[in-house]
Amino acid sequence: MAQAGGPFSPAVLGEFDAHSERIRARARARQEAVRMRSVVNDTDQREVASEEDALGRRMPQDEWQGDTNLRTLRALLKMIDERGYERCAAAHPAAAAPTPDSTPLPPRRPDLLTK
């Protein structure tokens, strides 16, 4: 005896419909946010926002706090790249050159070479 909804219960089908509608609404909101608008014919009052204004702020498309953090990190790295700075995976504050007022540590020999 096959049900009209197939092997899925009406609750599962209802949740799937609600989920797909939420996905479609988020996609429409993202499309609206990036849609090209004519500046001459634009009558909507919008807040002028730069990329830097959105750093660290939760946006409508951010579902989790990590989404905000990752978007902010990517935007900052993009800004660094655009300014011509070179990124290095080995960059660390401990690798910085000593300042004149600090006494440098003597070089340490690796344990493999000591007797």
PDB file of N, CA and C in Angstrom:
ATOM      1  N   MET A   1       0.828  -1.168   0.000  1.00  0.00           N
ATOM      2  CA  MET A   1       0.000   0.000   0.000  1.00  0.00           C
ATOM      3  C   MET A   1       0.884   1.246   0.000  1.00  0.00           C
ATOM      4  N   ALA A   2       0.977   1.912  -1.123  1.00  0.00           N
ATOM      5  CA  ALA A   2       1.802   3.106  -1.260  1.00  0.00           C
ATOM      6  C   ALA A   2       1.007   4.337  -0.840  1.00  0.00           C
ATOM      7  N   GLN A   3       1.642   5.198  -0.103  1.00  0.00           N
ATOM      8  CA  GLN A   3       1.005   6.442   0.307  1.00  0.00           C
ATOM      9  C   GLN A   3       1.120   7.462  -0.818  1.00  0.00           C
ATOM     10  N   ALA A   4       0.312   8.510  -0.758  1.00  0.00           N
ATOM     11  CA  ALA A   4       0.343   9.542  -1.793  1.00  0.00           C
ATOM     12  C   ALA A   4       1.655  10.322  -1.763  1.00  0.00           C
ATOM     13  N   GLY A   5       2.305  10.444  -0.592  1.00  0.00           N
ATOM     14  CA  GLY A   5       3.555  11.187  -0.455  1.00  0.00           C
ATOM     15  C   GLY A   5       4.779  10.321  -0.676  1.00  0.00           C
ATOM     16  N   GLY A   6       4.583   9.086  -1.016  1.00  0.00           N
ATOM     17  CA  GLY A   6       5.718   8.192  -1.203  1.00  0.00           C
ATOM     18  C   GLY A   6       6.203   7.664   0.143  1.00  0.00           C
ATOM     19  N   PRO A   7       7.477   7.361   0.245  1.00  0.00           N
ATOM     20  CA  PRO A   7       7.993   6.749   1.484  1.00  0.00           C
ATOM     21  C   PRO A   7       8.205   7.753   2.628  1.00  0.00           C
ATOM     22  N   PHE A   8       7.947   9.037   2.392  1.00  0.00           N
ATOM     23  CA  PHE A   8       8.203  10.062   3.407  1.00  0.00           C
ATOM     24  C   PHE A   8       6.916  10.474   4.106  1.00  0.00           C
ATOM     25  N   SER A   9       7.015  10.762   5.373  1.00  0.00           N
ATOM     26  CA  SER A   9       5.848  11.179   6.140  1.00  0.00           C
ATOM     27  C   SER A   9       5.492  12.624   5.781  1.00  0.00           C
ATOM     28  N   PRO A  10       4.256  13.018   6.036  1.00  0.00           N
ATOM     29  CA  PRO A  10       3.853  14.409   5.755  1.00  0.00           C
ATOM     30  C   PRO A  10       4.674  15.425   6.548  1.00  0.00           C
ATOM     31  N   ALA A  11       5.125  15.072   7.745  1.00  0.00           N
ATOM     32  CA  ALA A  11       5.944  15.994   8.538  1.00  0.00           C
ATOM     33  C   ALA A  11       7.282  16.251   7.858  1.00  0.00           C
ATOM     34  N   VAL A  12       7.897  15.203   7.321  1.00  0.00           N
ATOM     35  CA  VAL A  12       9.181  15.352   6.631  1.00  0.00           C
ATOM     36  C   VAL A  12       9.001  16.179   5.365  1.00  0.00           C
ATOM     37  N   LEU A  13       7.937  15.890   4.617  1.00  0.00           N
ATOM     38  CA  LEU A  13       7.676  16.653   3.396  1.00  0.00           C
ATOM     39  C   LEU A  13       7.395  18.126   3.716  1.00  0.00           C
ATOM     40  N   GLY A  14       6.672  18.386   4.783  1.00  0.00           N
ATOM     41  CA  GLY A  14       6.391  19.765   5.185  1.00  0.00           C
ATOM     42  C   GLY A  14       7.658  20.499   5.583  1.00  0.00           C
ATOM     43  N   GLU A  15       8.539  19.824   6.337  1.00  0.00           N
ATOM     44  CA  GLU A  15       9.801  20.453   6.732  1.00  0.00           C
ATOM     45  C   GLU A  15      10.685  20.705   5.519  1.00  0.00           C
ATOM     46  N   PHE A  16      10.679  19.768   4.555  1.00  0.00           N
ATOM     47  CA  PHE A  16      11.458  19.975   3.330  1.00  0.00           C
ATOM     48  C   PHE A  16      10.948  21.192   2.567  1.00  0.00           C
ATOM     49  N   ASP A  17       9.619  21.338   2.464  1.00  0.00           N
ATOM     50  CA  ASP A  17       9.050  22.499   1.768  1.00  0.00           C
ATOM     51  C   ASP A  17       9.428  23.798   2.470  1.00  0.00           C
ATOM     52  N   ALA A  18       9.357  23.799   3.799  1.00  0.00           N
ATOM     53  CA  ALA A  18       9.725  25.008   4.555  1.00  0.00           C
ATOM     54  C   ALA A  18      11.209  25.327   4.362  1.00  0.00           C
ATOM     55  N   HIS A  19      12.054  24.288   4.393  1.00  0.00           N
ATOM     56  CA  HIS A  19      13.499  24.485   4.209  1.00  0.00           C
ATOM     57  C   HIS A  19      13.806  25.031   2.811  1.00  0.00           C
ATOM     58  N   SER A  20      13.185  24.453   1.808  1.00  0.00           N
ATOM     59  CA  SER A  20      13.455  24.919   0.445  1.00  0.00           C
ATOM     60  C   SER A  20      12.965  26.356   0.253  1.00  0.00           C
ATOM     61  N   GLU A  21      11.876  26.733   0.906  1.00  0.00           N
ATOM     62  CA  GLU A  21      11.398  28.110   0.805  1.00  0.00           C
ATOM     63  C   GLU A  21      12.369  29.080   1.492  1.00  0.00           C
ATOM     64  N   ARG A  22      12.935  28.678   2.639  1.00  0.00           N
ATOM     65  CA  ARG A  22      13.930  29.518   3.317  1.00  0.00           C
ATOM     66  C   ARG A  22      15.172  29.690   2.445  1.00  0.00           C
ATOM     67  N   ILE A  23      15.587  28.615   1.784  1.00  0.00           N
ATOM     68  CA  ILE A  23      16.759  28.686   0.886  1.00  0.00           C
ATOM     69  C   ILE A  23      16.469  29.643  -0.273  1.00  0.00           C
ATOM     70  N   ARG A  24      15.274  29.530  -0.862  1.00  0.00           N
ATOM     71  CA  ARG A  24      14.910  30.416  -1.972  1.00  0.00           C
ATOM     72  C   ARG A  24      14.860  31.876  -1.511  1.00  0.00           C
ATOM     73  N   ALA A  25      14.323  32.127  -0.313  1.00  0.00           N
ATOM     74  CA  ALA A  25      14.230  33.496   0.200  1.00  0.00           C
ATOM     75  C   ALA A  25      15.623  34.074   0.436  1.00  0.00           C
ATOM     76  N   ARG A  26      16.545  33.270   0.973  1.00  0.00           N
ATOM     77  CA  ARG A  26      17.921  33.752   1.174  1.00  0.00           C
ATOM     78  C   ARG A  26      18.599  34.045  -0.156  1.00  0.00           C
ATOM     79  N   ALA A  27      18.353  33.194  -1.152  1.00  0.00           N
ATOM     80  CA  ALA A  27      18.950  33.417  -2.472  1.00  0.00           C
ATOM     81  C   ALA A  27      18.397  34.705  -3.088  1.00  0.00           C
ATOM     82  N   ARG A  28      17.082  34.932  -2.941  1.00  0.00           N
ATOM     83  CA  ARG A  28      16.503  36.176  -3.466  1.00  0.00           C
ATOM     84  C   ARG A  28      17.084  37.400  -2.755  1.00  0.00           C
ATOM     85  N   ALA A  29      17.272  37.290  -1.439  1.00  0.00           N
ATOM     86  CA  ALA A  29      17.840  38.419  -0.686  1.00  0.00           C
ATOM     87  C   ALA A  29      19.269  38.700  -1.134  1.00  0.00           C
ATOM     88  N   ARG A  30      20.065  37.644  -1.370  1.00  0.00           N
ATOM     89  CA  ARG A  30      21.443  37.836  -1.847  1.00  0.00           C
ATOM     90  C   ARG A  30      21.448  38.461  -3.231  1.00  0.00           C
ATOM     91  N   GLN A  31      20.557  37.993  -4.114  1.00  0.00           N
ATOM     92  CA  GLN A  31      20.479  38.555  -5.462  1.00  0.00           C
ATOM     93  C   GLN A  31      20.080  40.030  -5.411  1.00  0.00           C
ATOM     94  N   GLU A  32      19.145  40.363  -4.546  1.00  0.00           N
ATOM     95  CA  GLU A  32      18.708  41.754  -4.416  1.00  0.00           C
ATOM     96  C   GLU A  32      19.838  42.628  -3.890  1.00  0.00           C
ATOM     97  N   ALA A  33      20.643  42.081  -2.978  1.00  0.00           N
ATOM     98  CA  ALA A  33      21.734  42.863  -2.390  1.00  0.00           C
ATOM     99  C   ALA A  33      22.805  43.201  -3.416  1.00  0.00           C
ATOM    100  N   VAL A  34      23.033  42.342  -4.384  1.00  0.00           N
ATOM    101  CA  VAL A  34      24.107  42.578  -5.358  1.00  0.00           C
ATOM    102  C   VAL A  34      23.587  43.029  -6.723  1.00  0.00           C
ATOM    103  N   ARG A  35      22.277  43.211  -6.844  1.00  0.00           N
ATOM    104  CA  ARG A  35      21.690  43.602  -8.130  1.00  0.00           C
ATOM    105  C   ARG A  35      22.177  44.989  -8.531  1.00  0.00           C
ATOM    106  N   MET A  36      22.485  45.149  -9.818  1.00  0.00           N
ATOM    107  CA  MET A  36      22.909  46.447 -10.345  1.00  0.00           C
ATOM    108  C   MET A  36      21.704  47.390 -10.372  1.00  0.00           C
ATOM    109  N   ARG A  37      21.923  48.610  -9.946  1.00  0.00           N
ATOM    110  CA  ARG A  37      20.853  49.594  -9.916  1.00  0.00           C
ATOM    111  C   ARG A  37      21.297  50.856 -10.660  1.00  0.00           C
ATOM    112  N   SER A  38      20.365  51.470 -11.311  1.00  0.00           N
ATOM    113  CA  SER A  38      20.642  52.727 -11.983  1.00  0.00           C
ATOM    114  C   SER A  38      20.674  53.833 -10.940  1.00  0.00           C
ATOM    115  N   VAL A  39      21.757  54.552 -10.878  1.00  0.00           N
ATOM    116  CA  VAL A  39      21.899  55.621  -9.898  1.00  0.00           C
ATOM    117  C   VAL A  39      20.958  56.776 -10.227  1.00  0.00           C
ATOM    118  N   VAL A  40      20.717  57.013 -11.509  1.00  0.00           N
ATOM    119  CA  VAL A  40      19.877  58.131 -11.925  1.00  0.00           C
ATOM    120  C   VAL A  40      18.427  57.897 -11.538  1.00  0.00           C
ATOM    121  N   ASN A  41      17.931  56.677 -11.761  1.00  0.00           N
ATOM    122  CA  ASN A  41      16.523  56.377 -11.509  1.00  0.00           C
ATOM    123  C   ASN A  41      16.268  55.797 -10.123  1.00  0.00           C
ATOM    124  N   ASP A  42      17.247  55.720  -9.298  1.00  0.00           N
ATOM    125  CA  ASP A  42      17.109  55.112  -7.983  1.00  0.00           C
ATOM    126  C   ASP A  42      16.458  56.104  -7.021  1.00  0.00           C
ATOM    127  N   THR A  43      15.271  55.759  -6.548  1.00  0.00           N
ATOM    128  CA  THR A  43      14.569  56.635  -5.616  1.00  0.00           C
ATOM    129  C   THR A  43      14.628  56.110  -4.189  1.00  0.00           C
ATOM    130  N   ASP A  44      15.108  54.907  -3.988  1.00  0.00           N
ATOM    131  CA  ASP A  44      15.207  54.340  -2.648  1.00  0.00           C
ATOM    132  C   ASP A  44      16.319  55.027  -1.875  1.00  0.00           C
ATOM    133  N   GLN A  45      16.051  55.299  -0.610  1.00  0.00           N
ATOM    134  CA  GLN A  45      17.062  55.880   0.255  1.00  0.00           C
ATOM    135  C   GLN A  45      17.850  54.738   0.886  1.00  0.00           C
ATOM    136  N   ARG A  46      19.087  54.604   0.489  1.00  0.00           N
ATOM    137  CA  ARG A  46      19.937  53.539   1.023  1.00  0.00           C
ATOM    138  C   ARG A  46      21.102  54.159   1.758  1.00  0.00           C
ATOM    139  N   GLU A  47      21.551  53.430   2.747  1.00  0.00           N
ATOM    140  CA  GLU A  47      22.738  53.863   3.472  1.00  0.00           C
ATOM    141  C   GLU A  47      23.952  53.526   2.619  1.00  0.00           C
ATOM    142  N   VAL A  48      24.799  54.508   2.414  1.00  0.00           N
ATOM    143  CA  VAL A  48      26.014  54.270   1.648  1.00  0.00           C
ATOM    144  C   VAL A  48      26.947  53.448   2.526  1.00  0.00           C
ATOM    145  N   ALA A  49      27.305  52.291   2.020  1.00  0.00           N
ATOM    146  CA  ALA A  49      28.132  51.397   2.822  1.00  0.00           C
ATOM    147  C   ALA A  49      29.371  51.020   2.040  1.00  0.00           C
ATOM    148  N   SER A  50      30.478  51.067   2.715  1.00  0.00           N
ATOM    149  CA  SER A  50      31.699  50.601   2.092  1.00  0.00           C
ATOM    150  C   SER A  50      31.962  49.185   2.596  1.00  0.00           C
ATOM    151  N   GLU A  51      32.922  48.558   1.996  1.00  0.00           N
ATOM    152  CA  GLU A  51      33.278  47.205   2.401  1.00  0.00           C
ATOM    153  C   GLU A  51      33.775  47.194   3.840  1.00  0.00           C
ATOM    154  N   GLU A  52      34.430  48.255   4.247  1.00  0.00           N
ATOM    155  CA  GLU A  52      34.983  48.319   5.596  1.00  0.00           C
ATOM    156  C   GLU A  52      33.891  48.475   6.652  1.00  0.00           C
ATOM    157  N   ASP A  53      32.738  49.027   6.280  1.00  0.00           N
ATOM    158  CA  ASP A  53      31.645  49.169   7.238  1.00  0.00           C
ATOM    159  C   ASP A  53      31.053  47.815   7.623  1.00  0.00           C
ATOM    160  N   ALA A  54      31.162  46.831   6.748  1.00  0.00           N
ATOM    161  CA  ALA A  54      30.572  45.520   7.009  1.00  0.00           C
ATOM    162  C   ALA A  54      31.512  44.590   7.762  1.00  0.00           C
ATOM    163  N   LEU A  55      32.743  45.004   7.997  1.00  0.00           N
ATOM    164  CA  LEU A  55      33.696  44.127   8.670  1.00  0.00           C
ATOM    165  C   LEU A  55      33.247  43.864  10.102  1.00  0.00           C
ATOM    166  N   GLY A  56      33.123  42.591  10.444  1.00  0.00           N
ATOM    167  CA  GLY A  56      32.757  42.200  11.797  1.00  0.00           C
ATOM    168  C   GLY A  56      31.283  42.334  12.125  1.00  0.00           C
ATOM    169  N   ARG A  57      30.497  42.812  11.205  1.00  0.00           N
ATOM    170  CA  ARG A  57      29.058  42.964  11.444  1.00  0.00           C
ATOM    171  C   ARG A  57      28.311  41.797  10.830  1.00  0.00           C
ATOM    172  N   ARG A  58      27.299  41.370  11.526  1.00  0.00           N
ATOM    173  CA  ARG A  58      26.473  40.260  11.041  1.00  0.00           C
ATOM    174  C   ARG A  58      25.606  40.758   9.877  1.00  0.00           C
ATOM    175  N   MET A  59      25.636  40.028   8.766  1.00  0.00           N
ATOM    176  CA  MET A  59      24.858  40.374   7.584  1.00  0.00           C
ATOM    177  C   MET A  59      23.674  39.411   7.476  1.00  0.00           C
ATOM    178  N   PRO A  60      22.662  39.745   6.670  1.00  0.00           N
ATOM    179  CA  PRO A  60      21.484  38.868   6.567  1.00  0.00           C
ATOM    180  C   PRO A  60      21.817  37.455   6.091  1.00  0.00           C
ATOM    181  N   GLN A  61      22.844  37.309   5.261  1.00  0.00           N
ATOM    182  CA  GLN A  61      23.174  35.981   4.745  1.00  0.00           C
ATOM    183  C   GLN A  61      23.996  35.155   5.726  1.00  0.00           C
ATOM    184  N   ASP A  62      24.446  35.743   6.835  1.00  0.00           N
ATOM    185  CA  ASP A  62      25.242  35.020   7.822  1.00  0.00           C
ATOM    186  C   ASP A  62      24.331  34.223   8.737  1.00  0.00           C
ATOM    187  N   GLU A  63      24.466  32.910   8.677  1.00  0.00           N
ATOM    188  CA  GLU A  63      23.638  32.057   9.526  1.00  0.00           C
ATOM    189  C   GLU A  63      24.298  31.838  10.881  1.00  0.00           C
ATOM    190  N   TRP A  64      25.612  31.704  10.888  1.00  0.00           N
ATOM    191  CA  TRP A  64      26.363  31.431  12.108  1.00  0.00           C
ATOM    192  C   TRP A  64      27.360  32.564  12.351  1.00  0.00           C
ATOM    193  N   GLN A  65      27.863  32.664  13.573  1.00  0.00           N
ATOM    194  CA  GLN A  65      28.880  33.661  13.898  1.00  0.00           C
ATOM    195  C   GLN A  65      30.140  33.398  13.082  1.00  0.00           C
ATOM    196  N   GLY A  66      30.435  32.122  12.839  1.00  0.00           N
ATOM    197  CA  GLY A  66      31.601  31.766  12.030  1.00  0.00           C
ATOM    198  C   GLY A  66      31.508  32.295  10.608  1.00  0.00           C
ATOM    199  N   ASP A  67      30.288  32.419  10.075  1.00  0.00           N
ATOM    200  CA  ASP A  67      30.111  32.998   8.735  1.00  0.00           C
ATOM    201  C   ASP A  67      30.595  34.446   8.732  1.00  0.00           C
ATOM    202  N   THR A  68      30.238  35.179   9.783  1.00  0.00           N
ATOM    203  CA  THR A  68      30.672  36.574   9.905  1.00  0.00           C
ATOM    204  C   THR A  68      32.188  36.650  10.033  1.00  0.00           C
ATOM    205  N   ASN A  69      32.744  35.782  10.872  1.00  0.00           N
ATOM    206  CA  ASN A  69      34.191  35.785  11.090  1.00  0.00           C
ATOM    207  C   ASN A  69      34.948  35.455   9.807  1.00  0.00           C
ATOM    208  N   LEU A  70      34.500  34.430   9.086  1.00  0.00           N
ATOM    209  CA  LEU A  70      35.185  34.017   7.861  1.00  0.00           C
ATOM    210  C   LEU A  70      35.072  35.090   6.782  1.00  0.00           C
ATOM    211  N   ARG A  71      33.888  35.700   6.656  1.00  0.00           N
ATOM    212  CA  ARG A  71      33.711  36.766   5.662  1.00  0.00           C
ATOM    213  C   ARG A  71      34.614  37.953   5.994  1.00  0.00           C
ATOM    214  N   THR A  72      34.715  38.283   7.281  1.00  0.00           N
ATOM    215  CA  THR A  72      35.575  39.393   7.694  1.00  0.00           C
ATOM    216  C   THR A  72      37.041  39.072   7.422  1.00  0.00           C
ATOM    217  N   LEU A  73      37.466  37.859   7.753  1.00  0.00           N
ATOM    218  CA  LEU A  73      38.845  37.453   7.519  1.00  0.00           C
ATOM    219  C   LEU A  73      39.186  37.516   6.035  1.00  0.00           C
ATOM    220  N   ARG A  74      38.305  36.983   5.204  1.00  0.00           N
ATOM    221  CA  ARG A  74      38.558  37.006   3.757  1.00  0.00           C
ATOM    222  C   ARG A  74      38.621  38.437   3.221  1.00  0.00           C
ATOM    223  N   ALA A  75      37.741  39.314   3.719  1.00  0.00           N
ATOM    224  CA  ALA A  75      37.756  40.708   3.263  1.00  0.00           C
ATOM    225  C   ALA A  75      39.051  41.397   3.680  1.00  0.00           C
ATOM    226  N   LEU A  76      39.507  41.141   4.906  1.00  0.00           N
ATOM    227  CA  LEU A  76      40.754  41.758   5.366  1.00  0.00           C
ATOM    228  C   LEU A  76      41.947  41.258   4.559  1.00  0.00           C
ATOM    229  N   LEU A  77      41.998  39.955   4.296  1.00  0.00           N
ATOM    230  CA  LEU A  77      43.100  39.408   3.498  1.00  0.00           C
ATOM    231  C   LEU A  77      43.069  39.953   2.071  1.00  0.00           C
ATOM    232  N   LYS A  78      41.864  40.141   1.531  1.00  0.00           N
ATOM    233  CA  LYS A  78      41.745  40.715   0.187  1.00  0.00           C
ATOM    234  C   LYS A  78      42.268  42.150   0.177  1.00  0.00           C
ATOM    235  N   MET A  79      41.961  42.915   1.231  1.00  0.00           N
ATOM    236  CA  MET A  79      42.447  44.288   1.317  1.00  0.00           C
ATOM    237  C   MET A  79      43.968  44.319   1.425  1.00  0.00           C
ATOM    238  N   ILE A  80      44.543  43.390   2.178  1.00  0.00           N
ATOM    239  CA  ILE A  80      45.997  43.305   2.309  1.00  0.00           C
ATOM    240  C   ILE A  80      46.623  42.993   0.955  1.00  0.00           C
ATOM    241  N   ASP A  81      46.037  42.032   0.238  1.00  0.00           N
ATOM    242  CA  ASP A  81      46.559  41.668  -1.077  1.00  0.00           C
ATOM    243  C   ASP A  81      46.470  42.834  -2.059  1.00  0.00           C
ATOM    244  N   GLU A  82      45.361  43.570  -2.013  1.00  0.00           N
ATOM    245  CA  GLU A  82      45.181  44.696  -2.941  1.00  0.00           C
ATOM    246  C   GLU A  82      46.185  45.815  -2.681  1.00  0.00           C
ATOM    247  N   ARG A  83      46.631  45.943  -1.451  1.00  0.00           N
ATOM    248  CA  ARG A  83      47.595  46.993  -1.119  1.00  0.00           C
ATOM    249  C   ARG A  83      49.025  46.581  -1.439  1.00  0.00           C
ATOM    250  N   GLY A  84      49.202  45.351  -1.891  1.00  0.00           N
ATOM    251  CA  GLY A  84      50.511  44.921  -2.348  1.00  0.00           C
ATOM    252  C   GLY A  84      51.390  44.291  -1.293  1.00  0.00           C
ATOM    253  N   TYR A  85      50.859  44.053  -0.114  1.00  0.00           N
ATOM    254  CA  TYR A  85      51.663  43.394   0.916  1.00  0.00           C
ATOM    255  C   TYR A  85      51.776  41.913   0.599  1.00  0.00           C
ATOM    256  N   GLU A  86      52.873  41.348   1.020  1.00  0.00           N
ATOM    257  CA  GLU A  86      53.126  39.938   0.774  1.00  0.00           C
ATOM    258  C   GLU A  86      52.787  39.162   2.033  1.00  0.00           C
ATOM    259  N   ARG A  87      51.989  38.113   1.877  1.00  0.00           N
ATOM    260  CA  ARG A  87      51.628  37.289   3.024  1.00  0.00           C
ATOM    261  C   ARG A  87      52.570  36.100   3.110  1.00  0.00           C
ATOM    262  N   CYS A  88      52.821  35.662   4.322  1.00  0.00           N
ATOM    263  CA  CYS A  88      53.717  34.532   4.536  1.00  0.00           C
ATOM    264  C   CYS A  88      53.134  33.674   5.651  1.00  0.00           C
ATOM    265  N   ALA A  89      53.078  32.363   5.433  1.00  0.00           N
ATOM    266  CA  ALA A  89      52.534  31.457   6.438  1.00  0.00           C
ATOM    267  C   ALA A  89      53.418  31.396   7.669  1.00  0.00           C
ATOM    268  N   ALA A  90      54.703  31.712   7.523  1.00  0.00           N
ATOM    269  CA  ALA A  90      55.631  31.609   8.642  1.00  0.00           C
ATOM    270  C   ALA A  90      55.719  32.907   9.447  1.00  0.00           C
ATOM    271  N   ALA A  91      54.949  33.923   9.060  1.00  0.00           N
ATOM    272  CA  ALA A  91      55.014  35.189   9.780  1.00  0.00           C
ATOM    273  C   ALA A  91      54.494  35.000  11.199  1.00  0.00           C
ATOM    274  N   HIS A  92      55.264  35.402  12.154  1.00  0.00           N
ATOM    275  CA  HIS A  92      54.909  35.241  13.560  1.00  0.00           C
ATOM    276  C   HIS A  92      55.615  36.332  14.351  1.00  0.00           C
ATOM    277  N   PRO A  93      55.002  36.866  15.389  1.00  0.00           N
ATOM    278  CA  PRO A  93      55.652  37.938  16.147  1.00  0.00           C
ATOM    279  C   PRO A  93      57.015  37.538  16.711  1.00  0.00           C
ATOM    280  N   ALA A  94      57.209  36.264  17.026  1.00  0.00           N
ATOM    281  CA  ALA A  94      58.487  35.820  17.573  1.00  0.00           C
ATOM    282  C   ALA A  94      59.595  35.872  16.526  1.00  0.00           C
ATOM    283  N   ALA A  95      59.227  35.872  15.248  1.00  0.00           N
ATOM    284  CA  ALA A  95      60.229  35.889  14.183  1.00  0.00           C
ATOM    285  C   ALA A  95      60.672  37.311  13.847  1.00  0.00           C
ATOM    286  N   ALA A  96      60.052  38.312  14.473  1.00  0.00           N
ATOM    287  CA  ALA A  96      60.398  39.705  14.178  1.00  0.00           C
ATOM    288  C   ALA A  96      61.797  40.016  14.697  1.00  0.00           C
ATOM    289  N   ALA A  97      62.436  40.973  14.056  1.00  0.00           N
ATOM    290  CA  ALA A  97      63.783  41.375  14.469  1.00  0.00           C
ATOM    291  C   ALA A  97      63.710  42.041  15.838  1.00  0.00           C
ATOM    292  N   PRO A  98      64.704  41.832  16.678  1.00  0.00           N
ATOM    293  CA  PRO A  98      64.672  42.454  18.011  1.00  0.00           C
ATOM    294  C   PRO A  98      64.816  43.964  17.915  1.00  0.00           C
ATOM    295  N   THR A  99      64.182  44.656  18.810  1.00  0.00           N
ATOM    296  CA  THR A  99      64.272  46.117  18.845  1.00  0.00           C
ATOM    297  C   THR A  99      65.544  46.511  19.575  1.00  0.00           C
ATOM    298  N   PRO A 100      66.041  47.739  19.384  1.00  0.00           N
ATOM    299  CA  PRO A 100      67.299  48.152  20.019  1.00  0.00           C
ATOM    300  C   PRO A 100      67.263  48.077  21.549  1.00  0.00           C
ATOM    301  N   ASP A 101      66.096  48.267  22.153  1.00  0.00           N
ATOM    302  CA  ASP A 101      66.047  48.254  23.607  1.00  0.00           C
ATOM    303  C   ASP A 101      65.886  46.841  24.184  1.00  0.00           C
ATOM    304  N   SER A 102      65.682  45.848  23.347  1.00  0.00           N
ATOM    305  CA  SER A 102      65.557  44.485  23.854  1.00  0.00           C
ATOM    306  C   SER A 102      66.857  43.727  23.614  1.00  0.00           C
ATOM    307  N   THR A 103      67.160  42.847  24.498  1.00  0.00           N
ATOM    308  CA  THR A 103      68.382  42.054  24.332  1.00  0.00           C
ATOM    309  C   THR A 103      68.022  40.794  23.577  1.00  0.00           C
ATOM    310  N   PRO A 104      68.690  40.530  22.478  1.00  0.00           N
ATOM    311  CA  PRO A 104      68.368  39.332  21.709  1.00  0.00           C
ATOM    312  C   PRO A 104      68.800  38.073  22.462  1.00  0.00           C
ATOM    313  N   LEU A 105      68.055  37.028  22.265  1.00  0.00           N
ATOM    314  CA  LEU A 105      68.392  35.752  22.874  1.00  0.00           C
ATOM    315  C   LEU A 105      69.534  35.109  22.105  1.00  0.00           C
ATOM    316  N   PRO A 106      70.419  34.395  22.787  1.00  0.00           N
ATOM    317  CA  PRO A 106      71.490  33.717  22.054  1.00  0.00           C
ATOM    318  C   PRO A 106      70.902  32.590  21.210  1.00  0.00           C
ATOM    319  N   PRO A 107      71.512  32.303  20.077  1.00  0.00           N
ATOM    320  CA  PRO A 107      70.984  31.223  19.238  1.00  0.00           C
ATOM    321  C   PRO A 107      71.055  29.897  19.985  1.00  0.00           C
ATOM    322  N   ARG A 108      70.040  29.089  19.806  1.00  0.00           N
ATOM    323  CA  ARG A 108      69.970  27.802  20.492  1.00  0.00           C
ATOM    324  C   ARG A 108      70.276  26.708  19.489  1.00  0.00           C
ATOM    325  N   ARG A 109      71.147  25.809  19.886  1.00  0.00           N
ATOM    326  CA  ARG A 109      71.477  24.692  19.012  1.00  0.00           C
ATOM    327  C   ARG A 109      70.396  23.631  19.122  1.00  0.00           C
ATOM    328  N   PRO A 110      70.036  22.997  18.025  1.00  0.00           N
ATOM    329  CA  PRO A 110      69.039  21.927  18.108  1.00  0.00           C
ATOM    330  C   PRO A 110      69.542  20.796  19.012  1.00  0.00           C
ATOM    331  N   ASP A 111      68.613  20.147  19.672  1.00  0.00           N
ATOM    332  CA  ASP A 111      68.965  19.073  20.600  1.00  0.00           C
ATOM    333  C   ASP A 111      69.692  17.922  19.919  1.00  0.00           C
ATOM    334  N   LEU A 112      69.460  17.725  18.644  1.00  0.00           N
ATOM    335  CA  LEU A 112      70.096  16.615  17.935  1.00  0.00           C
ATOM    336  C   LEU A 112      71.607  16.804  17.831  1.00  0.00           C
ATOM    337  N   LEU A 113      72.071  18.054  17.864  1.00  0.00           N
ATOM    338  CA  LEU A 113      73.476  18.319  17.670  1.00  0.00           C
ATOM    339  C   LEU A 113      74.250  18.439  18.985  1.00  0.00           C
ATOM    340  N   THR A 114      73.557  18.439  20.097  1.00  0.00           N
ATOM    341  CA  THR A 114      74.257  18.553  21.370  1.00  0.00           C
ATOM    342  C   THR A 114      74.781  17.188  21.823  1.00  0.00           C
ATOM    343  N   LYS A 115      75.825  17.203  22.624  1.00  0.00           N
ATOM    344  CA  LYS A 115      76.415  15.931  23.084  1.00  0.00           C
ATOM    345  C   LYS A 115      75.776  15.459  24.351  1.00  0.00           C
TER     346      LYS A 115
END
